[in-house]
Amino acid sequence: MTALLDKRCARSERTGRVLTLLRAHEPARTDDEDAWAVQHATAVDQMARM
C-alpha cells in the first residue's frame, strides 16, 4: 500500500511541475492551442492529486 501511495505522490509532483512549466511558457502556438494544453494539464494534475 505504501508503494502505491509513494507512486501517486511522485506522479502528482511531476504533473504539478508540468503544469507550472506550461503556465510559464511563452506560447509558440495559437492562443486556443495553448489554452487547450493548459486546460488538459490542469485536469491531469487535479486527477493525480485526488
PDB file of N, CA and C in Angstrom:
ATOM      1  N   MET A   1       0.820  -1.202   0.000  1.00  0.00           N
ATOM      2  CA  MET A   1       0.000   0.000   0.000  1.00  0.00           C
ATOM      3  C   MET A   1       0.862   1.262   0.000  1.00  0.00           C
ATOM      4  N   THR A   2       1.935   1.240   0.768  1.00  0.00           N
ATOM      5  CA  THR A   2       2.811   2.403   0.830  1.00  0.00           C
ATOM      6  C   THR A   2       3.468   2.669  -0.519  1.00  0.00           C
ATOM      7  N   ALA A   3       3.824   1.615  -1.236  1.00  0.00           N
ATOM      8  CA  ALA A   3       4.449   1.791  -2.558  1.00  0.00           C
ATOM      9  C   ALA A   3       3.494   2.494  -3.511  1.00  0.00           C
ATOM     10  N   LEU A   4       2.218   2.142  -3.467  1.00  0.00           N
ATOM     11  CA  LEU A   4       1.239   2.800  -4.333  1.00  0.00           C
ATOM     12  C   LEU A   4       1.092   4.269  -3.979  1.00  0.00           C
ATOM     13  N   LEU A   5       1.069   4.560  -2.694  1.00  0.00           N
ATOM     14  CA  LEU A   5       0.954   5.950  -2.256  1.00  0.00           C
ATOM     15  C   LEU A   5       2.182   6.746  -2.683  1.00  0.00           C
ATOM     16  N   ASP A   6       3.365   6.149  -2.555  1.00  0.00           N
ATOM     17  CA  ASP A   6       4.593   6.813  -2.991  1.00  0.00           C
ATOM     18  C   ASP A   6       4.558   7.104  -4.488  1.00  0.00           C
ATOM     19  N   LYS A   7       4.058   6.154  -5.276  1.00  0.00           N
ATOM     20  CA  LYS A   7       3.955   6.362  -6.725  1.00  0.00           C
ATOM     21  C   LYS A   7       2.982   7.491  -7.047  1.00  0.00           C
ATOM     22  N   ARG A   8       1.858   7.528  -6.333  1.00  0.00           N
ATOM     23  CA  ARG A   8       0.873   8.595  -6.574  1.00  0.00           C
ATOM     24  C   ARG A   8       1.438   9.950  -6.210  1.00  0.00           C
ATOM     25  N   CYS A   9       2.176  10.016  -5.106  1.00  0.00           N
ATOM     26  CA  CYS A   9       2.784  11.286  -4.693  1.00  0.00           C
ATOM     27  C   CYS A   9       3.807  11.751  -5.733  1.00  0.00           C
ATOM     28  N   ALA A  10       4.618  10.827  -6.223  1.00  0.00           N
ATOM     29  CA  ALA A  10       5.611  11.179  -7.237  1.00  0.00           C
ATOM     30  C   ALA A  10       4.937  11.643  -8.519  1.00  0.00           C
ATOM     31  N   ARG A  11       3.853  10.971  -8.902  1.00  0.00           N
ATOM     32  CA  ARG A  11       3.125  11.351 -10.120  1.00  0.00           C
ATOM     33  C   ARG A  11       2.522  12.740  -9.962  1.00  0.00           C
ATOM     34  N   SER A  12       1.954  13.030  -8.796  1.00  0.00           N
ATOM     35  CA  SER A  12       1.334  14.340  -8.606  1.00  0.00           C
ATOM     36  C   SER A  12       2.390  15.443  -8.607  1.00  0.00           C
ATOM     37  N   GLU A  13       3.592  15.150  -8.101  1.00  0.00           N
ATOM     38  CA  GLU A  13       4.670  16.134  -8.170  1.00  0.00           C
ATOM     39  C   GLU A  13       5.058  16.409  -9.624  1.00  0.00           C
ATOM     40  N   ARG A  14       5.149  15.359 -10.423  1.00  0.00           N
ATOM     41  CA  ARG A  14       5.515  15.530 -11.839  1.00  0.00           C
ATOM     42  C   ARG A  14       4.448  16.300 -12.600  1.00  0.00           C
ATOM     43  N   THR A  15       3.185  15.965 -12.381  1.00  0.00           N
ATOM     44  CA  THR A  15       2.133  16.680 -13.111  1.00  0.00           C
ATOM     45  C   THR A  15       2.081  18.140 -12.684  1.00  0.00           C
ATOM     46  N   GLY A  16       2.371  18.404 -11.433  1.00  0.00           N
ATOM     47  CA  GLY A  16       2.426  19.789 -10.961  1.00  0.00           C
ATOM     48  C   GLY A  16       3.544  20.570 -11.627  1.00  0.00           C
ATOM     49  N   ARG A  17       4.706  19.928 -11.796  1.00  0.00           N
ATOM     50  CA  ARG A  17       5.828  20.594 -12.478  1.00  0.00           C
ATOM     51  C   ARG A  17       5.499  20.870 -13.933  1.00  0.00           C
ATOM     52  N   VAL A  18       4.864  19.912 -14.589  1.00  0.00           N
ATOM     53  CA  VAL A  18       4.481  20.106 -15.992  1.00  0.00           C
ATOM     54  C   VAL A  18       3.512  21.279 -16.107  1.00  0.00           C
ATOM     55  N   LEU A  19       2.540  21.329 -15.235  1.00  0.00           N
ATOM     56  CA  LEU A  19       1.558  22.416 -15.275  1.00  0.00           C
ATOM     57  C   LEU A  19       2.237  23.768 -15.044  1.00  0.00           C
ATOM     58  N   THR A  20       3.148  23.835 -14.103  1.00  0.00           N
ATOM     59  CA  THR A  20       3.887  25.075 -13.843  1.00  0.00           C
ATOM     60  C   THR A  20       4.682  25.509 -15.070  1.00  0.00           C
ATOM     61  N   LEU A  21       5.344  24.551 -15.723  1.00  0.00           N
ATOM     62  CA  LEU A  21       6.110  24.867 -16.927  1.00  0.00           C
ATOM     63  C   LEU A  21       5.210  25.362 -18.057  1.00  0.00           C
ATOM     64  N   LEU A  22       4.069  24.712 -18.238  1.00  0.00           N
ATOM     65  CA  LEU A  22       3.152  25.145 -19.302  1.00  0.00           C
ATOM     66  C   LEU A  22       2.622  26.548 -19.049  1.00  0.00           C
ATOM     67  N   ARG A  23       2.298  26.849 -17.802  1.00  0.00           N
ATOM     68  CA  ARG A  23       1.768  28.181 -17.483  1.00  0.00           C
ATOM     69  C   ARG A  23       2.821  29.264 -17.666  1.00  0.00           C
ATOM     70  N   ALA A  24       4.093  28.936 -17.413  1.00  0.00           N
ATOM     71  CA  ALA A  24       5.174  29.917 -17.517  1.00  0.00           C
ATOM     72  C   ALA A  24       5.699  30.046 -18.943  1.00  0.00           C
ATOM     73  N   HIS A  25       5.383  29.082 -19.790  1.00  0.00           N
ATOM     74  CA  HIS A  25       5.909  29.018 -21.151  1.00  0.00           C
ATOM     75  C   HIS A  25       5.294  30.085 -22.038  1.00  0.00           C
ATOM     76  N   GLU A  26       6.138  30.723 -22.818  1.00  0.00           N
ATOM     77  CA  GLU A  26       5.654  31.677 -23.816  1.00  0.00           C
ATOM     78  C   GLU A  26       5.020  30.883 -24.952  1.00  0.00           C
ATOM     79  N   PRO A  27       3.734  31.092 -25.219  1.00  0.00           N
ATOM     80  CA  PRO A  27       3.053  30.277 -26.229  1.00  0.00           C
ATOM     81  C   PRO A  27       3.688  30.405 -27.612  1.00  0.00           C
ATOM     82  N   ALA A  28       4.014  29.266 -28.193  1.00  0.00           N
ATOM     83  CA  ALA A  28       4.547  29.242 -29.554  1.00  0.00           C
ATOM     84  C   ALA A  28       3.438  28.930 -30.544  1.00  0.00           C
ATOM     85  N   ARG A  29       2.318  28.489 -30.020  1.00  0.00           N
ATOM     86  CA  ARG A  29       1.184  28.118 -30.865  1.00  0.00           C
ATOM     87  C   ARG A  29       0.110  29.202 -30.761  1.00  0.00           C
ATOM     88  N   THR A  30      -1.026  28.921 -31.325  1.00  0.00           N
ATOM     89  CA  THR A  30      -2.136  29.863 -31.209  1.00  0.00           C
ATOM     90  C   THR A  30      -2.637  29.866 -29.767  1.00  0.00           C
ATOM     91  N   ASP A  31      -3.339  30.898 -29.402  1.00  0.00           N
ATOM     92  CA  ASP A  31      -3.868  31.011 -28.048  1.00  0.00           C
ATOM     93  C   ASP A  31      -4.778  29.839 -27.702  1.00  0.00           C
ATOM     94  N   ASP A  32      -5.585  29.402 -28.674  1.00  0.00           N
ATOM     95  CA  ASP A  32      -6.502  28.286 -28.426  1.00  0.00           C
ATOM     96  C   ASP A  32      -5.745  26.996 -28.129  1.00  0.00           C
ATOM     97  N   GLU A  33      -4.679  26.739 -28.872  1.00  0.00           N
ATOM     98  CA  GLU A  33      -3.901  25.523 -28.656  1.00  0.00           C
ATOM     99  C   GLU A  33      -3.203  25.559 -27.304  1.00  0.00           C
ATOM    100  N   ASP A  34      -2.686  26.722 -26.941  1.00  0.00           N
ATOM    101  CA  ASP A  34      -2.016  26.858 -25.647  1.00  0.00           C
ATOM    102  C   ASP A  34      -3.015  26.700 -24.510  1.00  0.00           C
ATOM    103  N   ALA A  35      -4.170  27.321 -24.645  1.00  0.00           N
ATOM    104  CA  ALA A  35      -5.211  27.206 -23.616  1.00  0.00           C
ATOM    105  C   ALA A  35      -5.667  25.760 -23.475  1.00  0.00           C
ATOM    106  N   TRP A  36      -5.771  25.055 -24.597  1.00  0.00           N
ATOM    107  CA  TRP A  36      -6.164  23.642 -24.567  1.00  0.00           C
ATOM    108  C   TRP A  36      -5.139  22.816 -23.802  1.00  0.00           C
ATOM    109  N   ALA A  37      -3.856  23.053 -24.060  1.00  0.00           N
ATOM    110  CA  ALA A  37      -2.793  22.304 -23.389  1.00  0.00           C
ATOM    111  C   ALA A  37      -2.805  22.565 -21.886  1.00  0.00           C
ATOM    112  N   VAL A  38      -2.974  23.816 -21.500  1.00  0.00           N
ATOM    113  CA  VAL A  38      -3.013  24.154 -20.075  1.00  0.00           C
ATOM    114  C   VAL A  38      -4.254  23.561 -19.425  1.00  0.00           C
ATOM    115  N   GLN A  39      -5.385  23.623 -20.104  1.00  0.00           N
ATOM    116  CA  GLN A  39      -6.629  23.074 -19.548  1.00  0.00           C
ATOM    117  C   GLN A  39      -6.491  21.569 -19.301  1.00  0.00           C
ATOM    118  N   HIS A  40      -5.952  20.857 -20.240  1.00  0.00           N
ATOM    119  CA  HIS A  40      -5.816  19.411 -20.091  1.00  0.00           C
ATOM    120  C   HIS A  40      -4.744  19.046 -19.065  1.00  0.00           C
ATOM    121  N   ALA A  41      -3.667  19.805 -19.017  1.00  0.00           N
ATOM    122  CA  ALA A  41      -2.647  19.566 -17.996  1.00  0.00           C
ATOM    123  C   ALA A  41      -3.211  19.834 -16.607  1.00  0.00           C
ATOM    124  N   THR A  42      -4.088  20.824 -16.486  1.00  0.00           N
ATOM    125  CA  THR A  42      -4.733  21.094 -15.209  1.00  0.00           C
ATOM    126  C   THR A  42      -5.617  19.931 -14.793  1.00  0.00           C
ATOM    127  N   ALA A  43      -6.374  19.388 -15.721  1.00  0.00           N
ATOM    128  CA  ALA A  43      -7.247  18.252 -15.418  1.00  0.00           C
ATOM    129  C   ALA A  43      -6.428  17.027 -15.000  1.00  0.00           C
ATOM    130  N   VAL A  44      -5.340  16.769 -15.700  1.00  0.00           N
ATOM    131  CA  VAL A  44      -4.481  15.630 -15.345  1.00  0.00           C
ATOM    132  C   VAL A  44      -3.874  15.844 -13.960  1.00  0.00           C
ATOM    133  N   ASP A  45      -3.427  17.069 -13.681  1.00  0.00           N
ATOM    134  CA  ASP A  45      -2.847  17.373 -12.372  1.00  0.00           C
ATOM    135  C   ASP A  45      -3.884  17.208 -11.264  1.00  0.00           C
ATOM    136  N   GLN A  46      -5.083  17.669 -11.503  1.00  0.00           N
ATOM    137  CA  GLN A  46      -6.139  17.518 -10.487  1.00  0.00           C
ATOM    138  C   GLN A  46      -6.453  16.052 -10.213  1.00  0.00           C
ATOM    139  N   MET A  47      -6.500  15.262 -11.246  1.00  0.00           N
ATOM    140  CA  MET A  47      -6.767  13.819 -11.053  1.00  0.00           C
ATOM    141  C   MET A  47      -5.611  13.141 -10.321  1.00  0.00           C
ATOM    142  N   ALA A  48      -4.397  13.547 -10.596  1.00  0.00           N
ATOM    143  CA  ALA A  48      -3.232  12.953  -9.934  1.00  0.00           C
ATOM    144  C   ALA A  48      -3.204  13.274  -8.452  1.00  0.00           C
ATOM    145  N   ARG A  49      -3.784  14.411  -8.088  1.00  0.00           N
ATOM    146  CA  ARG A  49      -3.764  14.818  -6.676  1.00  0.00           C
ATOM    147  C   ARG A  49      -4.945  14.271  -5.873  1.00  0.00           C
ATOM    148  N   MET A  50      -5.873  13.601  -6.529  1.00  0.00           N
ATOM    149  CA  MET A  50      -7.025  13.043  -5.800  1.00  0.00           C
ATOM    150  C   MET A  50      -6.636  11.829  -5.011  1.00  0.00           C
TER     151      MET A  50
END
